[in-house]
Amino acid sequence: MSKAVSHATGLERIELERLRDRVGQLFSALQAAAEDVGVPVPGAWLPPVDLCESTEVVTVRVELPGVHAEQVELVLTGTQLRISGRKVRSLPRGRIVHLCSERSYGQFSRVVPLRWPVRVNEATAELRNGVLTVLLPKLKERRGAELKIPITEDK
C-alpha cells in the first residue's frame, strides 16, 4: 500500500490515508469484539435473542424463562445493549433425584451491537411471560438528506 500512497497526490493521498486509518479502526474494533466474546464462564448460558427493526424502533427480545426483572441488568450505550444477569435454580423440597436436567442456569450475558442511532434516554424494557422486550426508539437519520447551503459572495 505504501507504493500506492507514494504515487497518489493531493486529494487521492488524503483519501487513501483516511481509508487506511478507517481499516485500522475496523480491525481494532474486530479484535475488541473477539476479546469480549472470549471463553464463556463455566456455568454461563446464552439466552436466545431476536433483533428486529422498523422505521421507528429497534426491538430486542430475549428468552428468559424463570428469570425475574430484579435478576436482569440492562446497560445501553450509543453503540451496544448489554443484557446480563443470573438464573437461579430453585431446589425442590424433599428428597428428589434429578434423572435429567436440560434447562440452563447460572450467569448470562449478551451484547447486542447497535448499528442504528437510537434515543438512549427513551428506551423501555418489559419482562412478560419469560420474554424480555426492549424497545429502542431510533433517531432520525440525517445521512442522505439534502441540505442546500447558501453561498455568500464577497464583493
Protein backbone atom coordinates (compact mmCIF):
# COMPACT_ATOMS: atom_id res chain seq x y z
CA MET A 1 0.00 0.00 0.00
CA SER A 2 2.91 2.34 0.59
CA LYS A 3 3.69 2.21 -3.15
CA ALA A 4 0.14 3.39 -3.98
CA VAL A 5 0.34 6.16 -1.37
CA SER A 6 3.68 7.39 -2.69
CA HIS A 7 2.28 7.78 -6.22
CA ALA A 8 -1.01 9.38 -5.11
CA THR A 9 -1.20 13.14 -4.94
CA GLY A 10 -3.42 15.70 -3.29
CA LEU A 11 -6.93 14.51 -2.53
CA GLU A 12 -6.13 10.92 -3.59
CA ARG A 13 -3.39 10.73 -0.94
CA ILE A 14 -5.74 12.14 1.74
CA GLU A 15 -8.47 9.64 0.81
CA LEU A 16 -6.02 6.72 0.87
CA GLU A 17 -4.76 7.77 4.30
CA ARG A 18 -8.35 8.06 5.58
CA LEU A 19 -9.14 4.63 4.19
CA ARG A 20 -6.02 3.16 5.84
CA ASP A 21 -7.00 4.75 9.17
CA ARG A 22 -10.59 3.50 8.88
CA VAL A 23 -9.44 -0.06 8.11
CA GLY A 24 -7.19 0.14 11.17
CA GLN A 25 -10.13 1.26 13.32
CA LEU A 26 -12.30 -1.56 11.98
CA PHE A 27 -9.55 -4.10 12.69
CA SER A 28 -9.20 -2.79 16.26
CA ALA A 29 -12.97 -2.99 16.77
CA LEU A 30 -12.98 -6.56 15.45
CA GLN A 31 -10.18 -7.52 17.84
CA ALA A 32 -12.01 -5.93 20.79
CA ALA A 33 -15.23 -7.75 19.88
CA ALA A 34 -13.40 -11.07 19.64
CA GLU A 35 -11.84 -10.49 23.06
CA ASP A 36 -15.24 -9.57 24.56
CA VAL A 37 -16.79 -12.82 23.35
CA GLY A 38 -13.91 -14.82 24.81
CA VAL A 39 -14.46 -18.14 26.55
CA PRO A 40 -17.81 -18.41 28.31
CA VAL A 41 -17.71 -18.55 32.09
CA PRO A 42 -18.30 -22.09 33.36
CA GLY A 43 -21.99 -22.45 34.13
CA ALA A 44 -22.92 -19.49 31.94
CA TRP A 45 -25.62 -19.78 29.33
CA LEU A 46 -26.65 -17.63 26.39
CA PRO A 47 -30.36 -16.87 26.18
CA PRO A 48 -31.66 -16.62 22.59
CA VAL A 49 -32.08 -13.10 21.21
CA ASP A 50 -34.29 -11.75 18.40
CA LEU A 51 -33.39 -8.39 16.90
CA CYS A 52 -36.00 -6.60 14.77
CA GLU A 53 -36.10 -3.21 13.09
CA SER A 54 -38.93 -0.99 11.89
CA THR A 55 -38.75 2.56 10.61
CA GLU A 56 -39.34 3.92 14.12
CA VAL A 57 -37.87 1.44 16.60
CA VAL A 58 -35.33 -1.34 17.14
CA THR A 59 -36.83 -4.22 19.14
CA VAL A 60 -34.75 -6.73 21.10
CA ARG A 61 -36.46 -9.82 22.51
CA VAL A 62 -34.65 -12.18 24.85
CA GLU A 63 -35.98 -15.50 26.14
CA LEU A 64 -35.51 -15.56 29.91
CA PRO A 65 -37.84 -18.23 31.31
CA GLY A 66 -37.80 -18.41 35.09
CA VAL A 67 -35.93 -15.11 35.46
CA HIS A 68 -37.36 -12.13 37.35
CA ALA A 69 -36.76 -8.48 36.46
CA GLU A 70 -34.56 -7.91 39.52
CA GLN A 71 -32.21 -10.66 38.26
CA VAL A 72 -31.54 -8.81 34.97
CA GLU A 73 -29.36 -5.80 34.27
CA LEU A 74 -29.63 -3.73 31.07
CA VAL A 75 -26.92 -1.27 30.09
CA LEU A 76 -27.42 0.80 26.94
CA THR A 77 -24.85 2.96 25.20
CA GLY A 78 -24.96 4.58 21.81
CA THR A 79 -23.28 1.54 20.27
CA GLN A 80 -24.50 -1.51 22.19
CA LEU A 81 -27.06 -3.05 24.53
CA ARG A 82 -25.65 -5.34 27.23
CA ILE A 83 -28.07 -7.78 28.88
CA SER A 84 -26.76 -9.72 31.86
CA GLY A 85 -27.99 -11.46 34.95
CA ARG A 86 -28.35 -14.76 36.70
CA LYS A 87 -30.95 -17.52 36.50
CA VAL A 88 -31.18 -19.29 39.84
CA ARG A 89 -32.14 -22.95 40.12
CA SER A 90 -34.95 -23.47 42.59
CA LEU A 91 -34.39 -26.65 44.56
CA PRO A 92 -37.44 -28.83 45.15
CA ARG A 93 -38.35 -29.68 48.73
CA GLY A 94 -37.90 -33.20 49.95
CA ARG A 95 -35.72 -35.97 48.56
CA ILE A 96 -35.97 -35.76 44.80
CA VAL A 97 -33.30 -37.10 42.48
CA HIS A 98 -32.93 -35.41 39.10
CA LEU A 99 -32.72 -38.02 36.37
CA CYS A 100 -32.26 -35.41 33.66
CA SER A 101 -31.91 -31.63 33.65
CA GLU A 102 -31.74 -29.89 30.26
CA ARG A 103 -32.59 -26.35 31.37
CA SER A 104 -29.79 -23.82 31.76
CA TYR A 105 -28.98 -21.95 34.96
CA GLY A 106 -26.33 -19.56 36.15
CA GLN A 107 -24.93 -16.31 34.84
CA PHE A 108 -25.75 -15.00 31.40
CA SER A 109 -24.59 -12.07 29.33
CA ARG A 110 -25.42 -10.97 25.80
CA VAL A 111 -24.14 -7.93 23.97
CA VAL A 112 -26.22 -6.65 21.07
CA PRO A 113 -24.26 -4.26 18.86
CA LEU A 114 -26.36 -1.37 17.58
CA ARG A 115 -25.75 -0.16 14.07
CA TRP A 116 -28.57 2.37 14.30
CA PRO A 117 -28.55 5.67 16.16
CA VAL A 118 -31.09 5.30 18.98
CA ARG A 119 -32.56 7.65 21.57
CA VAL A 120 -30.89 6.12 24.62
CA ASN A 121 -32.92 8.11 27.16
CA GLU A 122 -36.24 6.92 25.66
CA ALA A 123 -35.55 3.17 25.73
CA THR A 124 -38.05 0.94 27.57
CA ALA A 125 -37.98 -2.68 28.74
CA GLU A 126 -40.65 -5.14 29.85
CA LEU A 127 -40.38 -8.72 31.11
CA ARG A 128 -43.56 -10.69 30.41
CA ASN A 129 -44.12 -14.46 30.26
CA GLY A 130 -40.39 -15.16 30.28
CA VAL A 131 -39.62 -12.82 27.36
CA LEU A 132 -37.72 -9.57 27.88
CA THR A 133 -38.69 -6.96 25.26
CA VAL A 134 -36.51 -3.87 24.90
CA LEU A 135 -37.72 -1.03 22.66
CA LEU A 136 -35.09 1.36 21.34
CA PRO A 137 -36.60 4.34 19.50
CA LYS A 138 -34.49 5.34 16.50
CA LEU A 139 -33.08 8.76 15.89
CA LYS A 140 -33.99 10.26 12.57
CA GLU A 141 -31.11 9.67 10.17
CA ARG A 142 -29.52 12.71 8.69
CA ARG A 143 -27.40 10.80 6.23
CA GLY A 144 -28.72 11.03 2.70
CA ALA A 145 -30.77 14.13 3.47
CA GLU A 146 -30.32 17.08 1.16
CA LEU A 147 -29.49 20.43 2.62
CA LYS A 148 -28.92 23.48 0.45
CA ILE A 149 -26.03 25.59 1.63
CA PRO A 150 -26.31 29.28 0.88
CA ILE A 151 -23.27 30.87 -0.74
CA THR A 152 -22.23 34.37 0.11
CA GLU A 153 -20.08 36.36 -2.25
CA ASP A 154 -17.55 38.91 -1.13
CA LYS A 155 -17.79 41.93 -3.43
